[in-house]
Amino acid sequence: KEVISRSPYAAILDHVIPVTSAFVGVQRNVPIPSSSFTSGESYDQILISRRSKYRTGTRFTRRGTDGTGAVANYAETEQICLILNNTNPCSNSRGVLKEVYSHVQTRGSIPLHWSSPADVKAYRPRVFIGVDPVLQARGLRDHLLSELWWYSSSIGLKNSFLSKSKLTKDSGKDEVKVAMVNLIDKHGDQGRLGSTFDSVLSAVLEVYGKSYPKHKSKCGKSSESNTHPDL
């Protein structure tokens, strides 16, 4: 009777050991230089980085996104800072928690359908990009909506993810913003991949986003497009 009343997940934990591919680092009691605003303050720093269990694989054997929007080599890193107020700097006791700050950053393969098969004869394997524009747009759309699902508390955005519908006026009330940084080369095969990503992103934002003045491309040039401020 006791087992039945418990959560099924709790019952599973009696028989399996949960594991994760991650790193956790803690740095305690780091002093903050004194100023007119900070006197006798220090902070604890926590760094958590974990890899996704979806679309796993080595670098050259797994690239891009799958049919659900999950991308290869995806990792989430969060830095948490706990600001402590030490009322008595001479004491070895822990300070009182004053403020908490958190910054989350994710990284992963470019969210398009593409591949780069390893070749022992080539130092830089060729990049093959999918030619179906609808499939590319759906993969990128699902990836963006998934990011908003996990890192937004907006009910409107979560509903947009579930229904794969356009983002409405009420979807972005929380002012959630996702900044995407393109770190690949600007020439050769990677240049083609970056240009394809820019084109597909503009198309996705035009269909699923709201009117917004400018979208800055990877080349640093601004172009007119219908983009969503929350994306």
Protein backbone atom coordinates (compact mmCIF):
# COMPACT_ATOMS: atom_id res chain seq x y z
CA LYS A 1 0.00 0.00 0.00
CA GLU A 2 2.86 2.35 0.81
CA VAL A 3 4.56 1.65 -2.53
CA ILE A 4 1.34 2.22 -4.48
CA SER A 5 0.78 5.63 -2.89
CA ARG A 6 4.26 6.84 -3.86
CA SER A 7 5.16 8.48 -7.16
CA PRO A 8 6.10 5.96 -9.89
CA TYR A 9 9.33 7.92 -10.39
CA ALA A 10 10.21 7.46 -6.72
CA ALA A 11 9.61 3.72 -7.07
CA ILE A 12 11.94 3.56 -10.08
CA LEU A 13 14.70 5.29 -8.10
CA ASP A 14 14.69 2.32 -5.71
CA HIS A 15 16.09 0.17 -8.52
CA VAL A 16 18.14 2.47 -10.77
CA ILE A 17 20.82 5.11 -10.28
CA PRO A 18 20.24 8.35 -12.25
CA VAL A 19 23.35 9.62 -14.01
CA THR A 20 24.13 12.71 -16.06
CA SER A 21 26.96 13.94 -18.25
CA ALA A 22 27.71 17.17 -16.44
CA PHE A 23 30.13 19.34 -14.49
CA VAL A 24 29.44 21.11 -11.20
CA GLY A 25 31.86 23.57 -9.62
CA VAL A 26 31.46 25.59 -6.43
CA GLN A 27 33.60 28.52 -5.29
CA ARG A 28 32.82 29.83 -1.81
CA ASN A 29 33.26 33.13 -0.03
CA VAL A 30 34.83 35.13 -2.87
CA PRO A 31 35.41 38.69 -1.57
CA ILE A 32 33.89 41.64 -3.43
CA PRO A 33 36.14 44.75 -3.50
CA SER A 34 34.75 47.32 -1.08
CA SER A 35 33.10 50.46 -2.43
CA SER A 36 30.40 52.90 -1.41
CA PHE A 37 27.79 50.32 -2.56
CA THR A 38 29.44 47.10 -1.40
CA SER A 39 30.92 46.97 2.07
CA GLY A 40 31.84 43.67 3.63
CA GLU A 41 30.17 41.62 0.89
CA SER A 42 31.26 38.36 -0.69
CA TYR A 43 29.68 35.81 -3.00
CA ASP A 44 29.43 32.10 -3.62
CA GLN A 45 29.65 30.99 -7.24
CA ILE A 46 28.12 27.82 -8.68
CA LEU A 47 28.80 26.64 -12.24
CA ILE A 48 26.64 23.85 -13.67
CA SER A 49 27.13 22.54 -17.21
CA ARG A 50 25.35 19.50 -18.62
CA ARG A 51 25.01 17.81 -21.99
CA SER A 52 21.67 16.91 -23.54
CA LYS A 53 20.64 13.28 -23.84
CA TYR A 54 18.99 13.98 -27.20
CA ARG A 55 20.79 13.66 -30.56
CA THR A 56 24.00 12.46 -28.97
CA GLY A 57 27.09 11.48 -30.92
CA THR A 58 30.61 12.54 -31.77
CA ARG A 59 31.34 15.77 -33.59
CA PHE A 60 31.57 14.62 -37.21
CA THR A 61 29.08 11.76 -37.01
CA ARG A 62 26.24 13.86 -35.59
CA ARG A 63 25.38 17.32 -36.90
CA GLY A 64 22.44 19.69 -37.07
CA THR A 65 18.90 19.09 -35.87
CA ASP A 66 16.47 16.18 -35.94
CA GLY A 67 12.72 16.08 -36.55
CA THR A 68 11.92 17.37 -33.05
CA GLY A 69 14.25 20.40 -33.06
CA ALA A 70 16.91 18.77 -30.85
CA VAL A 71 20.43 19.63 -32.03
CA ALA A 72 23.69 17.71 -31.81
CA ASN A 73 26.30 18.47 -29.13
CA TYR A 74 23.85 20.54 -27.11
CA ALA A 75 25.00 21.76 -23.69
CA GLU A 76 23.43 24.02 -21.09
CA THR A 77 25.61 26.07 -18.74
CA GLU A 78 24.32 28.08 -15.79
CA GLN A 79 26.31 30.41 -13.56
CA ILE A 80 24.71 31.24 -10.20
CA CYS A 81 26.05 33.95 -7.89
CA LEU A 82 24.87 34.16 -4.27
CA ILE A 83 25.65 37.60 -2.83
CA LEU A 84 26.36 37.44 0.90
CA ASN A 85 26.36 40.32 3.37
CA ASN A 86 29.02 39.78 6.01
CA THR A 87 27.96 41.91 8.95
CA ASN A 88 31.14 41.04 10.82
CA PRO A 89 34.11 40.75 8.41
CA CYS A 90 36.37 39.55 11.24
CA SER A 91 34.15 36.57 11.92
CA ASN A 92 34.54 33.23 10.14
CA SER A 93 30.79 32.69 10.10
CA ARG A 94 28.82 32.66 6.86
CA GLY A 95 27.18 35.88 5.74
CA VAL A 96 23.49 36.49 5.23
CA LEU A 97 22.13 35.81 1.75
CA LYS A 98 21.32 39.17 0.11
CA GLU A 99 20.79 38.60 -3.61
CA VAL A 100 20.82 35.78 -6.16
CA TYR A 101 21.85 36.14 -9.82
CA SER A 102 21.74 33.54 -12.57
CA HIS A 103 22.93 33.47 -16.19
CA VAL A 104 22.08 30.62 -18.57
CA GLN A 105 23.86 29.93 -21.85
CA THR A 106 23.28 27.06 -24.28
CA ARG A 107 25.34 25.89 -27.23
CA GLY A 108 24.82 23.35 -29.95
CA SER A 109 25.11 22.50 -33.62
CA ILE A 110 23.46 24.86 -36.13
CA PRO A 111 19.74 23.93 -36.00
CA LEU A 112 19.36 22.91 -39.65
CA HIS A 113 19.34 19.55 -41.40
CA TRP A 114 22.96 19.12 -42.48
CA SER A 115 25.83 16.65 -42.22
CA SER A 116 29.60 16.54 -42.43
CA PRO A 117 30.73 12.90 -42.77
CA ALA A 118 34.26 12.23 -41.55
CA ASP A 119 36.82 11.34 -44.20
CA VAL A 120 40.34 10.20 -43.28
CA LYS A 121 41.62 11.69 -46.55
CA ALA A 122 40.24 15.18 -45.94
CA TYR A 123 41.32 17.54 -43.16
CA ARG A 124 38.04 19.44 -43.44
CA PRO A 125 35.11 17.16 -44.34
CA ARG A 126 32.63 18.53 -46.86
CA VAL A 127 29.39 20.01 -45.57
CA PHE A 128 26.14 18.69 -47.05
CA ILE A 129 23.06 20.89 -46.49
CA GLY A 130 19.48 19.65 -46.83
CA VAL A 131 17.62 21.08 -49.82
CA ASP A 132 14.03 20.82 -48.52
CA PRO A 133 13.12 24.38 -47.39
CA VAL A 134 10.02 23.25 -45.50
CA LEU A 135 11.96 20.61 -43.55
CA GLN A 136 14.67 23.15 -42.71
CA ALA A 137 12.13 25.73 -41.51
CA ARG A 138 10.31 23.21 -39.34
CA GLY A 139 13.52 22.03 -37.71
CA LEU A 140 14.63 25.57 -36.86
CA ARG A 141 11.15 26.57 -35.72
CA ASP A 142 10.88 23.62 -33.37
CA HIS A 143 14.33 24.35 -31.95
CA LEU A 144 13.50 28.00 -31.23
CA LEU A 145 10.14 27.15 -29.67
CA SER A 146 11.84 24.48 -27.56
CA GLU A 147 14.33 27.05 -26.24
CA LEU A 148 11.46 29.37 -25.31
CA TRP A 149 9.58 26.48 -23.72
CA TRP A 150 12.44 25.60 -21.37
CA TYR A 151 13.66 29.10 -20.54
CA SER A 152 10.43 31.11 -20.42
CA SER A 153 7.69 31.23 -17.81
CA SER A 154 5.23 32.67 -20.35
CA ILE A 155 2.11 30.56 -20.75
CA GLY A 156 1.54 32.07 -24.20
CA LEU A 157 4.95 30.95 -25.43
CA LYS A 158 4.44 27.45 -24.04
CA ASN A 159 1.07 27.22 -25.79
CA SER A 160 2.72 28.34 -29.03
CA PHE A 161 5.21 25.51 -28.64
CA LEU A 162 2.49 22.91 -28.09
CA SER A 163 0.34 24.08 -30.99
CA LYS A 164 3.21 25.08 -33.35
CA SER A 165 1.16 28.22 -34.01
CA LYS A 166 2.09 31.83 -34.64
CA LEU A 167 3.24 33.87 -31.67
CA THR A 168 0.39 36.12 -30.61
CA LYS A 169 0.37 39.49 -28.90
CA ASP A 170 0.03 37.82 -25.50
CA SER A 171 2.81 35.31 -26.19
CA GLY A 172 5.69 37.61 -25.34
CA LYS A 173 4.51 39.47 -22.27
CA ASP A 174 7.52 38.26 -20.27
CA GLU A 175 9.97 39.95 -22.71
CA VAL A 176 11.93 36.74 -23.16
CA LYS A 177 14.88 37.33 -25.47
CA VAL A 178 17.12 34.74 -27.10
CA ALA A 179 20.44 35.94 -28.54
CA MET A 180 21.97 33.63 -31.16
CA VAL A 181 25.72 33.86 -31.79
CA ASN A 182 27.11 32.35 -35.01
CA LEU A 183 30.74 31.24 -34.49
CA ILE A 184 31.44 29.38 -37.75
CA ASP A 185 33.74 30.54 -40.55
CA LYS A 186 32.40 33.00 -43.09
CA HIS A 187 33.96 31.29 -46.11
CA GLY A 188 33.80 27.95 -47.91
CA ASP A 189 31.37 25.24 -46.82
CA GLN A 190 30.82 26.80 -43.42
CA GLY A 191 30.09 30.12 -45.08
CA ARG A 192 27.37 28.41 -47.14
CA LEU A 193 25.97 26.87 -43.98
CA GLY A 194 25.89 30.24 -42.22
CA SER A 195 24.14 31.90 -45.18
CA THR A 196 21.56 29.11 -45.26
CA PHE A 197 20.94 29.55 -41.55
CA ASP A 198 20.37 33.30 -42.01
CA SER A 199 17.90 32.68 -44.83
CA VAL A 200 15.92 30.02 -42.97
CA LEU A 201 15.86 32.08 -39.78
CA SER A 202 14.46 35.11 -41.65
CA ALA A 203 11.78 32.91 -43.22
CA VAL A 204 10.79 31.36 -39.88
CA LEU A 205 10.55 34.74 -38.17
CA GLU A 206 8.52 36.14 -41.06
CA VAL A 207 5.95 33.36 -40.78
CA TYR A 208 5.85 32.75 -37.03
CA GLY A 209 6.97 36.11 -35.62
CA LYS A 210 5.54 39.57 -35.18
CA SER A 211 6.56 42.74 -36.97
CA TYR A 212 9.91 44.03 -35.76
CA PRO A 213 12.13 46.55 -37.57
CA LYS A 214 15.49 44.91 -38.19
CA HIS A 215 17.25 41.56 -38.12
CA LYS A 216 21.04 41.63 -38.03
CA SER A 217 22.72 39.02 -40.18
CA LYS A 218 25.94 37.16 -39.39
CA CYS A 219 27.80 39.55 -41.70
CA GLY A 220 26.90 42.51 -39.49
CA LYS A 221 24.47 44.04 -41.97
CA SER A 222 20.94 44.90 -40.95
CA SER A 223 18.10 43.94 -43.26
CA GLU A 224 14.37 44.60 -43.12
CA SER A 225 12.35 41.59 -42.03
CA ASN A 226 9.38 40.63 -39.87
CA THR A 227 11.13 39.32 -36.77
CA HIS A 228 9.89 38.61 -33.28
CA PRO A 229 11.53 40.58 -30.44
CA ASP A 230 11.26 37.52 -28.20
CA LEU A 231 13.29 35.45 -30.65
